[in-house]
Amino acid sequence: MDTMGRHVIAELWECNLDILNDMERLEKTFVNAALKAGAEVREVAFHKFAPFGVSGVVIISESHLTIHSFPEHGYASIDVYTCGDIIDPHVAVQYIQDELDAKTTEIIEVPRGMGAVQLKNIKAQ
């Protein structure tokens, strides 16, 4: 294993506003994303803010998936962090991106546990 983990940070813009404010749908999306990536789900916690916005975390055996949504801006910040080399965090990110109907994305992967971090942009649309 080259790293202790892979931390994928995704900026999702022009998302479906209704989905970004639907806590139950976001929770289901994140659990499904974890499962599609082959992760083992341990715990799930999501919170809906008033008047809008959702924050949530899916704890997986391999680490976590998180979201902070800003429906008023059509924006969601996503983190998918996986330890080891079995789970591909990009599978989960792609699923989330598709489910939120994001039109513009920026994705950065940060290798964890390798010393000094050297960031590189993975994908921008």
C-alpha atoms as a PDB file:
ATOM      1  CA  MET A   1       0.000   0.000   0.000  1.00  0.00           C
ATOM      2  CA  ASP A   2       1.420   3.373  -1.020  1.00  0.00           C
ATOM      3  CA  THR A   3      -0.714   5.470   1.339  1.00  0.00           C
ATOM      4  CA  MET A   4      -2.685   5.023   4.530  1.00  0.00           C
ATOM      5  CA  GLY A   5      -5.695   6.512   2.810  1.00  0.00           C
ATOM      6  CA  ARG A   6      -7.207   8.462  -0.039  1.00  0.00           C
ATOM      7  CA  HIS A   7      -9.179  11.611   0.707  1.00  0.00           C
ATOM      8  CA  VAL A   8     -11.291  12.851  -2.185  1.00  0.00           C
ATOM      9  CA  ILE A   9     -12.693  16.358  -1.863  1.00  0.00           C
ATOM     10  CA  ALA A  10     -15.384  17.337  -4.342  1.00  0.00           C
ATOM     11  CA  GLU A  11     -16.930  20.717  -5.038  1.00  0.00           C
ATOM     12  CA  LEU A  12     -20.331  20.154  -6.675  1.00  0.00           C
ATOM     13  CA  TRP A  13     -22.078  23.141  -8.278  1.00  0.00           C
ATOM     14  CA  GLU A  14     -25.387  23.652 -10.075  1.00  0.00           C
ATOM     15  CA  CYS A  15     -26.914  20.706  -8.232  1.00  0.00           C
ATOM     16  CA  ASN A  16     -30.613  19.945  -8.009  1.00  0.00           C
ATOM     17  CA  LEU A  17     -31.848  22.382  -5.345  1.00  0.00           C
ATOM     18  CA  ASP A  18     -34.624  20.134  -4.085  1.00  0.00           C
ATOM     19  CA  ILE A  19     -32.246  17.219  -3.544  1.00  0.00           C
ATOM     20  CA  LEU A  20     -29.748  19.434  -1.700  1.00  0.00           C
ATOM     21  CA  ASN A  21     -32.457  20.252   0.845  1.00  0.00           C
ATOM     22  CA  ASP A  22     -33.899  16.727   1.173  1.00  0.00           C
ATOM     23  CA  MET A  23     -32.221  15.136   4.187  1.00  0.00           C
ATOM     24  CA  GLU A  24     -33.729  11.682   3.689  1.00  0.00           C
ATOM     25  CA  ARG A  25     -32.724  11.535   0.034  1.00  0.00           C
ATOM     26  CA  LEU A  26     -29.184  12.730   0.785  1.00  0.00           C
ATOM     27  CA  GLU A  27     -28.835  10.143   3.532  1.00  0.00           C
ATOM     28  CA  LYS A  28     -29.965   7.384   1.177  1.00  0.00           C
ATOM     29  CA  THR A  29     -27.645   8.667  -1.554  1.00  0.00           C
ATOM     30  CA  PHE A  30     -24.615   8.644   0.739  1.00  0.00           C
ATOM     31  CA  VAL A  31     -25.318   5.202   2.164  1.00  0.00           C
ATOM     32  CA  ASN A  32     -25.778   3.857  -1.374  1.00  0.00           C
ATOM     33  CA  ALA A  33     -22.567   5.580  -2.514  1.00  0.00           C
ATOM     34  CA  ALA A  34     -20.637   3.878   0.282  1.00  0.00           C
ATOM     35  CA  LEU A  35     -22.129   0.501  -0.576  1.00  0.00           C
ATOM     36  CA  LYS A  36     -21.478   0.917  -4.307  1.00  0.00           C
ATOM     37  CA  ALA A  37     -17.826   1.621  -3.509  1.00  0.00           C
ATOM     38  CA  GLY A  38     -17.699  -1.630  -1.518  1.00  0.00           C
ATOM     39  CA  ALA A  39     -17.495  -0.015   1.912  1.00  0.00           C
ATOM     40  CA  GLU A  40     -19.023  -1.338   5.121  1.00  0.00           C
ATOM     41  CA  VAL A  41     -21.453   1.185   6.662  1.00  0.00           C
ATOM     42  CA  ARG A  42     -21.172   1.546  10.445  1.00  0.00           C
ATOM     43  CA  GLU A  43     -23.162   4.655  11.439  1.00  0.00           C
ATOM     44  CA  VAL A  44     -25.167   7.396   9.761  1.00  0.00           C
ATOM     45  CA  ALA A  45     -25.955  10.896  11.068  1.00  0.00           C
ATOM     46  CA  PHE A  46     -27.630  13.676   9.069  1.00  0.00           C
ATOM     47  CA  HIS A  47     -29.058  17.027  10.173  1.00  0.00           C
ATOM     48  CA  LYS A  48     -31.360  19.433   8.309  1.00  0.00           C
ATOM     49  CA  PHE A  49     -30.946  23.123   8.996  1.00  0.00           C
ATOM     50  CA  ALA A  50     -33.659  25.789   8.852  1.00  0.00           C
ATOM     51  CA  PRO A  51     -34.492  27.273   6.486  1.00  0.00           C
ATOM     52  CA  PHE A  52     -32.295  25.086   4.262  1.00  0.00           C
ATOM     53  CA  GLY A  53     -29.168  22.978   4.059  1.00  0.00           C
ATOM     54  CA  VAL A  54     -28.104  19.551   5.229  1.00  0.00           C
ATOM     55  CA  SER A  55     -24.944  18.226   6.858  1.00  0.00           C
ATOM     56  CA  GLY A  56     -24.295  14.543   7.154  1.00  0.00           C
ATOM     57  CA  VAL A  57     -21.781  11.811   7.718  1.00  0.00           C
ATOM     58  CA  VAL A  58     -21.690   8.133   6.892  1.00  0.00           C
ATOM     59  CA  ILE A  59     -19.104   6.361   8.999  1.00  0.00           C
ATOM     60  CA  ILE A  60     -17.670   3.365   7.185  1.00  0.00           C
ATOM     61  CA  SER A  61     -15.213   0.761   8.417  1.00  0.00           C
ATOM     62  CA  GLU A  62     -12.754   2.287   5.975  1.00  0.00           C
ATOM     63  CA  SER A  63     -13.315   5.911   7.240  1.00  0.00           C
ATOM     64  CA  HIS A  64     -16.147   8.292   6.174  1.00  0.00           C
ATOM     65  CA  LEU A  65     -18.262  10.163   3.624  1.00  0.00           C
ATOM     66  CA  THR A  66     -19.562  13.669   4.408  1.00  0.00           C
ATOM     67  CA  ILE A  67     -21.697  16.399   2.870  1.00  0.00           C
ATOM     68  CA  HIS A  68     -22.528  20.003   3.610  1.00  0.00           C
ATOM     69  CA  SER A  69     -25.220  21.271   1.243  1.00  0.00           C
ATOM     70  CA  PHE A  70     -26.048  24.858   0.399  1.00  0.00           C
ATOM     71  CA  PRO A  71     -29.281  24.731  -1.642  1.00  0.00           C
ATOM     72  CA  GLU A  72     -29.425  28.516  -1.835  1.00  0.00           C
ATOM     73  CA  HIS A  73     -26.233  28.338  -3.920  1.00  0.00           C
ATOM     74  CA  GLY A  74     -26.842  25.012  -5.691  1.00  0.00           C
ATOM     75  CA  TYR A  75     -23.639  23.820  -4.047  1.00  0.00           C
ATOM     76  CA  ALA A  76     -22.488  20.808  -2.043  1.00  0.00           C
ATOM     77  CA  SER A  77     -19.101  20.126  -0.487  1.00  0.00           C
ATOM     78  CA  ILE A  78     -18.313  16.414  -0.402  1.00  0.00           C
ATOM     79  CA  ASP A  79     -15.563  14.413   1.308  1.00  0.00           C
ATOM     80  CA  VAL A  80     -14.943  10.722   0.784  1.00  0.00           C
ATOM     81  CA  TYR A  81     -12.041   9.361   2.805  1.00  0.00           C
ATOM     82  CA  THR A  82     -11.081   5.703   2.563  1.00  0.00           C
ATOM     83  CA  CYS A  83      -8.254   3.900   4.327  1.00  0.00           C
ATOM     84  CA  GLY A  84      -6.383   1.101   2.672  1.00  0.00           C
ATOM     85  CA  ASP A  85      -6.316   0.283  -1.006  1.00  0.00           C
ATOM     86  CA  ILE A  86      -9.444  -1.826  -1.431  1.00  0.00           C
ATOM     87  CA  ILE A  87     -12.155   0.867  -1.661  1.00  0.00           C
ATOM     88  CA  ASP A  88     -12.052   3.412  -4.520  1.00  0.00           C
ATOM     89  CA  PRO A  89     -13.435   6.710  -3.185  1.00  0.00           C
ATOM     90  CA  HIS A  90     -13.991   7.955  -6.743  1.00  0.00           C
ATOM     91  CA  VAL A  91     -16.757   5.360  -7.219  1.00  0.00           C
ATOM     92  CA  ALA A  92     -18.676   6.940  -4.324  1.00  0.00           C
ATOM     93  CA  VAL A  93     -17.999  10.498  -5.509  1.00  0.00           C
ATOM     94  CA  GLN A  94     -19.193   9.736  -9.038  1.00  0.00           C
ATOM     95  CA  TYR A  95     -22.392   8.179  -7.701  1.00  0.00           C
ATOM     96  CA  ILE A  96     -23.066  11.215  -5.476  1.00  0.00           C
ATOM     97  CA  GLN A  97     -22.298  13.624  -8.308  1.00  0.00           C
ATOM     98  CA  ASP A  98     -24.766  11.818 -10.572  1.00  0.00           C
ATOM     99  CA  GLU A  99     -27.484  11.625  -7.902  1.00  0.00           C
ATOM    100  CA  LEU A 100     -27.201  15.356  -7.098  1.00  0.00           C
ATOM    101  CA  ASP A 101     -27.286  16.156 -10.821  1.00  0.00           C
ATOM    102  CA  ALA A 102     -24.186  18.360 -10.476  1.00  0.00           C
ATOM    103  CA  LYS A 103     -23.410  20.304 -13.652  1.00  0.00           C
ATOM    104  CA  THR A 104     -20.003  21.609 -12.545  1.00  0.00           C
ATOM    105  CA  THR A 105     -17.513  19.718 -10.407  1.00  0.00           C
ATOM    106  CA  GLU A 106     -14.000  20.014  -9.130  1.00  0.00           C
ATOM    107  CA  ILE A 107     -12.398  16.959  -7.557  1.00  0.00           C
ATOM    108  CA  ILE A 108      -9.113  16.810  -5.682  1.00  0.00           C
ATOM    109  CA  GLU A 109      -7.516  13.718  -4.159  1.00  0.00           C
ATOM    110  CA  VAL A 110      -5.255  14.050  -1.146  1.00  0.00           C
ATOM    111  CA  PRO A 111      -3.062  11.044  -0.311  1.00  0.00           C
ATOM    112  CA  ARG A 112      -3.108  10.548   3.462  1.00  0.00           C
ATOM    113  CA  GLY A 113      -0.277   9.271   5.596  1.00  0.00           C
ATOM    114  CA  MET A 114       2.544   9.962   3.153  1.00  0.00           C
ATOM    115  CA  GLY A 115       4.118  13.030   4.747  1.00  0.00           C
ATOM    116  CA  ALA A 116       4.002  16.421   3.053  1.00  0.00           C
ATOM    117  CA  VAL A 117       0.866  16.772   0.936  1.00  0.00           C
ATOM    118  CA  GLN A 118       1.192  17.538  -2.766  1.00  0.00           C
ATOM    119  CA  LEU A 119      -2.250  18.416  -4.147  1.00  0.00           C
ATOM    120  CA  LYS A 120      -3.240  17.842  -7.709  1.00  0.00           C
ATOM    121  CA  ASN A 121      -6.542  18.550  -9.375  1.00  0.00           C
ATOM    122  CA  ILE A 122      -8.058  15.258 -10.529  1.00  0.00           C
ATOM    123  CA  LYS A 123     -11.033  16.447 -12.540  1.00  0.00           C
ATOM    124  CA  ALA A 124     -12.856  19.638 -13.351  1.00  0.00           C
ATOM    125  CA  GLN A 125     -15.918  19.890 -15.558  1.00  0.00           C
END
